[in-house]
C-alpha atoms as a PDB file:
ATOM      1  CA  UNK A   1     -74.538 -41.191-201.363  1.00  0.00           C
ATOM      2  CA  UNK A   2     -75.211 -44.199-199.175  1.00  0.00           C
ATOM      3  CA  UNK A   3     -74.933 -43.799-195.404  1.00  0.00           C
ATOM      4  CA  UNK A   4     -71.261 -43.588-194.441  1.00  0.00           C
ATOM      5  CA  UNK A   5     -70.023 -43.242-198.074  1.00  0.00           C
ATOM      6  CA  UNK A   6     -67.981 -40.068-198.290  1.00  0.00           C
ATOM      7  CA  UNK A   7     -67.062 -40.229-201.953  1.00  0.00           C
ATOM      8  CA  UNK A   8     -67.988 -37.075-203.868  1.00  0.00           C
ATOM      9  CA  UNK A   9     -71.300 -36.826-205.701  1.00  0.00           C
ATOM     10  CA  UNK A  10     -69.772 -34.084-207.972  1.00  0.00           C
ATOM     11  CA  UNK A  11     -66.430 -32.780-208.865  1.00  0.00           C
ATOM     12  CA  UNK A  12     -66.626 -29.067-209.457  1.00  0.00           C
ATOM     13  CA  UNK A  13     -64.671 -28.019-212.578  1.00  0.00           C
ATOM     14  CA  UNK A  14     -65.441 -27.196-216.173  1.00  0.00           C
ATOM     15  CA  UNK A  15     -65.077 -30.159-218.481  1.00  0.00           C
ATOM     16  CA  UNK A  16     -66.148 -30.405-222.047  1.00  0.00           C
ATOM     17  CA  UNK A  17     -69.448 -32.124-221.341  1.00  0.00           C
ATOM     18  CA  UNK A  18     -70.787 -30.163-218.387  1.00  0.00           C
ATOM     19  CA  UNK A  19     -70.023 -27.249-216.141  1.00  0.00           C
ATOM     20  CA  UNK A  20     -70.955 -28.745-212.835  1.00  0.00           C
ATOM     21  CA  UNK A  21     -70.911 -32.513-212.733  1.00  0.00           C
ATOM     22  CA  UNK A  22     -67.942 -34.445-213.942  1.00  0.00           C
ATOM     23  CA  UNK A  23     -68.968 -37.152-216.438  1.00  0.00           C
ATOM     24  CA  UNK A  24     -67.636 -40.705-216.437  1.00  0.00           C
ATOM     25  CA  UNK A  25     -65.944 -39.860-219.727  1.00  0.00           C
ATOM     26  CA  UNK A  26     -63.939 -36.946-218.331  1.00  0.00           C
ATOM     27  CA  UNK A  27     -60.252 -37.668-218.226  1.00  0.00           C
ATOM     28  CA  UNK A  28     -59.398 -35.133-215.480  1.00  0.00           C
ATOM     29  CA  UNK A  29     -58.777 -36.308-211.973  1.00  0.00           C
ATOM     30  CA  UNK A  30     -59.650 -34.638-208.716  1.00  0.00           C
ATOM     31  CA  UNK A  31     -55.918 -34.257-207.964  1.00  0.00           C
ATOM     32  CA  UNK A  32     -55.102 -32.602-211.328  1.00  0.00           C
ATOM     33  CA  UNK A  33     -58.219 -30.414-211.021  1.00  0.00           C
ATOM     34  CA  UNK A  34     -57.145 -29.035-207.614  1.00  0.00           C
ATOM     35  CA  UNK A  35     -53.527 -28.625-208.790  1.00  0.00           C
ATOM     36  CA  UNK A  36     -54.416 -26.753-212.002  1.00  0.00           C
ATOM     37  CA  UNK A  37     -57.579 -24.853-211.090  1.00  0.00           C
ATOM     38  CA  UNK A  38     -57.192 -23.817-207.485  1.00  0.00           C
ATOM     39  CA  UNK A  39     -56.520 -20.094-207.185  1.00  0.00           C
ATOM     40  CA  UNK A  40     -56.000 -19.862-203.435  1.00  0.00           C
ATOM     41  CA  UNK A  41     -54.176 -21.917-200.818  1.00  0.00           C
ATOM     42  CA  UNK A  42     -56.295 -24.799-199.649  1.00  0.00           C
ATOM     43  CA  UNK A  43     -56.667 -25.064-195.910  1.00  0.00           C
ATOM     44  CA  UNK A  44     -57.940 -28.151-194.032  1.00  0.00           C
ATOM     45  CA  UNK A  45     -61.035 -26.266-192.931  1.00  0.00           C
ATOM     46  CA  UNK A  46     -62.056 -25.222-196.451  1.00  0.00           C
ATOM     47  CA  UNK A  47     -65.435 -26.227-197.851  1.00  0.00           C
ATOM     48  CA  UNK A  48     -66.819 -25.754-201.327  1.00  0.00           C
ATOM     49  CA  UNK A  49     -70.600 -25.433-201.992  1.00  0.00           C
ATOM     50  CA  UNK A  50     -72.312 -26.758-205.150  1.00  0.00           C
ATOM     51  CA  UNK A  51     -75.883 -25.652-205.907  1.00  0.00           C
ATOM     52  CA  UNK A  52     -77.839 -27.278-208.757  1.00  0.00           C
ATOM     53  CA  UNK A  53     -81.156 -25.675-209.540  1.00  0.00           C
ATOM     54  CA  UNK A  54     -82.913 -28.498-211.402  1.00  0.00           C
ATOM     55  CA  UNK A  55     -86.351 -28.962-212.823  1.00  0.00           C
ATOM     56  CA  UNK A  56     -87.564 -31.267-210.032  1.00  0.00           C
ATOM     57  CA  UNK A  57     -85.713 -29.611-207.216  1.00  0.00           C
ATOM     58  CA  UNK A  58     -82.482 -27.890-205.990  1.00  0.00           C
ATOM     59  CA  UNK A  59     -79.593 -29.897-204.779  1.00  0.00           C
ATOM     60  CA  UNK A  60     -76.827 -28.642-202.583  1.00  0.00           C
ATOM     61  CA  UNK A  61     -73.527 -30.358-201.905  1.00  0.00           C
ATOM     62  CA  UNK A  62     -70.642 -29.392-199.607  1.00  0.00           C
ATOM     63  CA  UNK A  63     -67.253 -30.865-200.311  1.00  0.00           C
ATOM     64  CA  UNK A  64     -63.910 -30.661-198.575  1.00  0.00           C
ATOM     65  CA  UNK A  65     -60.617 -29.570-200.140  1.00  0.00           C
ATOM     66  CA  UNK A  66     -60.000 -33.199-201.277  1.00  0.00           C
ATOM     67  CA  UNK A  67     -63.357 -33.524-203.044  1.00  0.00           C
ATOM     68  CA  UNK A  68     -64.942 -35.612-200.326  1.00  0.00           C
ATOM     69  CA  UNK A  69     -68.624 -35.065-199.624  1.00  0.00           C
ATOM     70  CA  UNK A  70     -69.362 -33.361-196.377  1.00  0.00           C
ATOM     71  CA  UNK A  71     -73.130 -33.126-196.738  1.00  0.00           C
ATOM     72  CA  UNK A  72     -75.857 -33.047-199.417  1.00  0.00           C
ATOM     73  CA  UNK A  73     -79.504 -32.111-199.511  1.00  0.00           C
ATOM     74  CA  UNK A  74     -82.280 -31.969-202.065  1.00  0.00           C
ATOM     75  CA  UNK A  75     -85.368 -29.814-201.807  1.00  0.00           C
ATOM     76  CA  UNK A  76     -88.123 -30.522-204.265  1.00  0.00           C
ATOM     77  CA  UNK A  77     -90.588 -27.967-205.622  1.00  0.00           C
ATOM     78  CA  UNK A  78     -93.704 -28.280-207.831  1.00  0.00           C
ATOM     79  CA  UNK A  79     -93.868 -28.328-211.558  1.00  0.00           C
ATOM     80  CA  UNK A  80     -96.990 -26.614-212.794  1.00  0.00           C
ATOM     81  CA  UNK A  81     -98.694 -27.816-215.982  1.00  0.00           C
ATOM     82  CA  UNK A  82    -101.912 -25.746-216.101  1.00  0.00           C
ATOM     83  CA  UNK A  83    -102.544 -26.756-219.798  1.00  0.00           C
ATOM     84  CA  UNK A  84    -101.279 -29.470-222.055  1.00  0.00           C
ATOM     85  CA  UNK A  85     -97.693 -28.755-223.157  1.00  0.00           C
ATOM     86  CA  UNK A  86     -97.222 -26.088-220.547  1.00  0.00           C
ATOM     87  CA  UNK A  87     -94.356 -26.412-218.017  1.00  0.00           C
ATOM     88  CA  UNK A  88     -93.965 -23.632-215.405  1.00  0.00           C
ATOM     89  CA  UNK A  89     -92.375 -23.049-211.980  1.00  0.00           C
ATOM     90  CA  UNK A  90     -92.536 -20.264-209.445  1.00  0.00           C
ATOM     91  CA  UNK A  91     -89.057 -18.647-209.176  1.00  0.00           C
ATOM     92  CA  UNK A  92     -89.787 -18.032-205.394  1.00  0.00           C
ATOM     93  CA  UNK A  93     -89.842 -21.852-205.031  1.00  0.00           C
ATOM     94  CA  UNK A  94     -86.353 -21.935-206.471  1.00  0.00           C
ATOM     95  CA  UNK A  95     -85.145 -19.340-203.999  1.00  0.00           C
ATOM     96  CA  UNK A  96     -86.789 -20.980-201.005  1.00  0.00           C
ATOM     97  CA  UNK A  97     -85.563 -24.373-202.032  1.00  0.00           C
ATOM     98  CA  UNK A  98     -81.955 -23.162-202.523  1.00  0.00           C
ATOM     99  CA  UNK A  99     -81.969 -21.395-199.162  1.00  0.00           C
ATOM    100  CA  UNK A 100     -83.307 -24.470-197.393  1.00  0.00           C
ATOM    101  CA  UNK A 101     -80.873 -26.844-199.165  1.00  0.00           C
ATOM    102  CA  UNK A 102     -77.875 -24.648-198.210  1.00  0.00           C
ATOM    103  CA  UNK A 103     -79.004 -24.321-194.588  1.00  0.00           C
ATOM    104  CA  UNK A 104     -79.435 -28.073-194.492  1.00  0.00           C
ATOM    105  CA  UNK A 105     -75.972 -28.959-195.772  1.00  0.00           C
ATOM    106  CA  UNK A 106     -74.361 -26.373-193.513  1.00  0.00           C
ATOM    107  CA  UNK A 107     -76.120 -27.885-190.496  1.00  0.00           C
ATOM    108  CA  UNK A 108     -75.442 -31.491-191.475  1.00  0.00           C
ATOM    109  CA  UNK A 109     -71.702 -30.644-191.893  1.00  0.00           C
ATOM    110  CA  UNK A 110     -71.685 -28.534-188.674  1.00  0.00           C
ATOM    111  CA  UNK A 111     -70.269 -25.570-190.588  1.00  0.00           C
ATOM    112  CA  UNK A 112     -71.301 -21.985-190.976  1.00  0.00           C
ATOM    113  CA  UNK A 113     -71.286 -19.895-194.154  1.00  0.00           C
ATOM    114  CA  UNK A 114     -67.996 -18.260-193.346  1.00  0.00           C
ATOM    115  CA  UNK A 115     -66.216 -21.616-193.835  1.00  0.00           C
ATOM    116  CA  UNK A 116     -67.367 -21.907-197.439  1.00  0.00           C
ATOM    117  CA  UNK A 117     -64.618 -20.736-199.694  1.00  0.00           C
ATOM    118  CA  UNK A 118     -66.292 -21.115-203.053  1.00  0.00           C
ATOM    119  CA  UNK A 119     -69.680 -21.703-204.652  1.00  0.00           C
ATOM    120  CA  UNK A 120     -70.428 -23.472-207.939  1.00  0.00           C
ATOM    121  CA  UNK A 121     -73.793 -22.927-209.540  1.00  0.00           C
ATOM    122  CA  UNK A 122     -75.646 -24.974-212.163  1.00  0.00           C
ATOM    123  CA  UNK A 123     -79.185 -24.478-213.448  1.00  0.00           C
ATOM    124  CA  UNK A 124     -81.861 -25.638-215.736  1.00  0.00           C
ATOM    125  CA  UNK A 125     -81.635 -25.290-219.412  1.00  0.00           C
ATOM    126  CA  UNK A 126     -83.101 -22.253-221.210  1.00  0.00           C
ATOM    127  CA  UNK A 127     -86.280 -20.818-219.903  1.00  0.00           C
ATOM    128  CA  UNK A 128     -88.172 -17.545-219.544  1.00  0.00           C
ATOM    129  CA  UNK A 129     -88.460 -15.677-216.175  1.00  0.00           C
ATOM    130  CA  UNK A 130     -90.454 -12.539-216.900  1.00  0.00           C
ATOM    131  CA  UNK A 131     -89.622  -9.428-214.790  1.00  0.00           C
ATOM    132  CA  UNK A 132     -91.106  -6.037-214.490  1.00  0.00           C
ATOM    133  CA  UNK A 133     -89.120  -2.754-214.747  1.00  0.00           C
ATOM    134  CA  UNK A 134     -88.082  -3.075-211.084  1.00  0.00           C
ATOM    135  CA  UNK A 135     -86.853  -6.640-211.534  1.00  0.00           C
ATOM    136  CA  UNK A 136     -89.753  -8.338-209.819  1.00  0.00           C
ATOM    137  CA  UNK A 137     -91.078 -11.603-211.121  1.00  0.00           C
ATOM    138  CA  UNK A 138     -94.427 -11.074-212.822  1.00  0.00           C
ATOM    139  CA  UNK A 139     -95.514 -14.659-213.583  1.00  0.00           C
ATOM    140  CA  UNK A 140     -94.373 -18.263-213.279  1.00  0.00           C
ATOM    141  CA  UNK A 141     -91.259 -19.093-215.228  1.00  0.00           C
ATOM    142  CA  UNK A 142     -91.747 -20.926-218.526  1.00  0.00           C
ATOM    143  CA  UNK A 143     -89.318 -23.879-218.464  1.00  0.00           C
ATOM    144  CA  UNK A 144     -87.055 -25.409-221.121  1.00  0.00           C
ATOM    145  CA  UNK A 145     -89.582 -28.216-221.682  1.00  0.00           C
ATOM    146  CA  UNK A 146     -92.581 -25.974-222.228  1.00  0.00           C
ATOM    147  CA  UNK A 147     -94.055 -26.856-225.566  1.00  0.00           C
ATOM    148  CA  UNK A 148     -96.551 -24.042-226.150  1.00  0.00           C
ATOM    149  CA  UNK A 149     -94.412 -22.283-228.793  1.00  0.00           C
ATOM    150  CA  UNK A 150     -93.915 -25.232-231.102  1.00  0.00           C
ATOM    151  CA  UNK A 151     -95.931 -23.554-233.929  1.00  0.00           C
ATOM    152  CA  UNK A 152     -93.983 -20.333-233.660  1.00  0.00           C
ATOM    153  CA  UNK A 153     -90.595 -22.258-233.733  1.00  0.00           C
ATOM    154  CA  UNK A 154     -91.741 -24.131-236.884  1.00  0.00           C
ATOM    155  CA  UNK A 155     -92.891 -20.895-238.535  1.00  0.00           C
ATOM    156  CA  UNK A 156     -89.572 -19.226-237.798  1.00  0.00           C
ATOM    157  CA  UNK A 157     -87.528 -22.022-239.291  1.00  0.00           C
ATOM    158  CA  UNK A 158     -89.799 -21.962-242.392  1.00  0.00           C
ATOM    159  CA  UNK A 159     -89.583 -18.170-242.838  1.00  0.00           C
ATOM    160  CA  UNK A 160     -85.809 -18.092-242.459  1.00  0.00           C
ATOM    161  CA  UNK A 161     -85.349 -20.768-245.080  1.00  0.00           C
ATOM    162  CA  UNK A 162     -85.151 -24.057-243.324  1.00  0.00           C
ATOM    163  CA  UNK A 163     -83.023 -25.680-240.580  1.00  0.00           C
ATOM    164  CA  UNK A 164     -79.727 -25.361-242.542  1.00  0.00           C
ATOM    165  CA  UNK A 165     -80.153 -21.636-242.953  1.00  0.00           C
ATOM    166  CA  UNK A 166     -81.094 -21.172-239.269  1.00  0.00           C
ATOM    167  CA  UNK A 167     -78.022 -23.124-238.178  1.00  0.00           C
ATOM    168  CA  UNK A 168     -75.872 -20.954-240.467  1.00  0.00           C
ATOM    169  CA  UNK A 169     -77.304 -17.809-238.836  1.00  0.00           C
ATOM    170  CA  UNK A 170     -77.577 -18.631-235.179  1.00  0.00           C
ATOM    171  CA  UNK A 171     -75.947 -22.110-234.770  1.00  0.00           C
ATOM    172  CA  UNK A 172     -79.063 -23.515-233.090  1.00  0.00           C
ATOM    173  CA  UNK A 173     -82.506 -24.658-234.093  1.00  0.00           C
ATOM    174  CA  UNK A 174     -85.367 -23.106-232.113  1.00  0.00           C
ATOM    175  CA  UNK A 175     -87.138 -25.868-230.297  1.00  0.00           C
ATOM    176  CA  UNK A 176     -89.570 -26.310-227.397  1.00  0.00           C
ATOM    177  CA  UNK A 177     -87.437 -28.897-225.619  1.00  0.00           C
END
């Protein structure tokens, strides 16, 4: 948002297009969203926190009970491409970025965590975060746009009997993007 503009960056609700950001084609309004989806009484001191873990960085947004933006912050992190078609990130960067973005919006809004009454999360598309048997990350995460398995995806579709057969079985075509 521009300096002094308090209009919301996001409206948190589930619409047909997206789980986190309301699209311009969504027919729901903030008023009807609050009236139909709120599960607890809304108090004037209530804040809601949105966290979007994206490919280029994590974004945090605090809104008030009317959907007005209280504060926002973005923390960028690196994208690693050690070889052509590879796209990886360190999950620790996601964690550090999220923590920093949340601390920043709370400070900018002069709030503490106890004043946040709900959290909405959104993340990158499909990816692979490999863990060991204790749940610890063992390598950088392979992101949704990593292209190293293109040959395997093509072979799978061929072996199963083509795209139509794959869609019939799993409703989705394996792809690297």
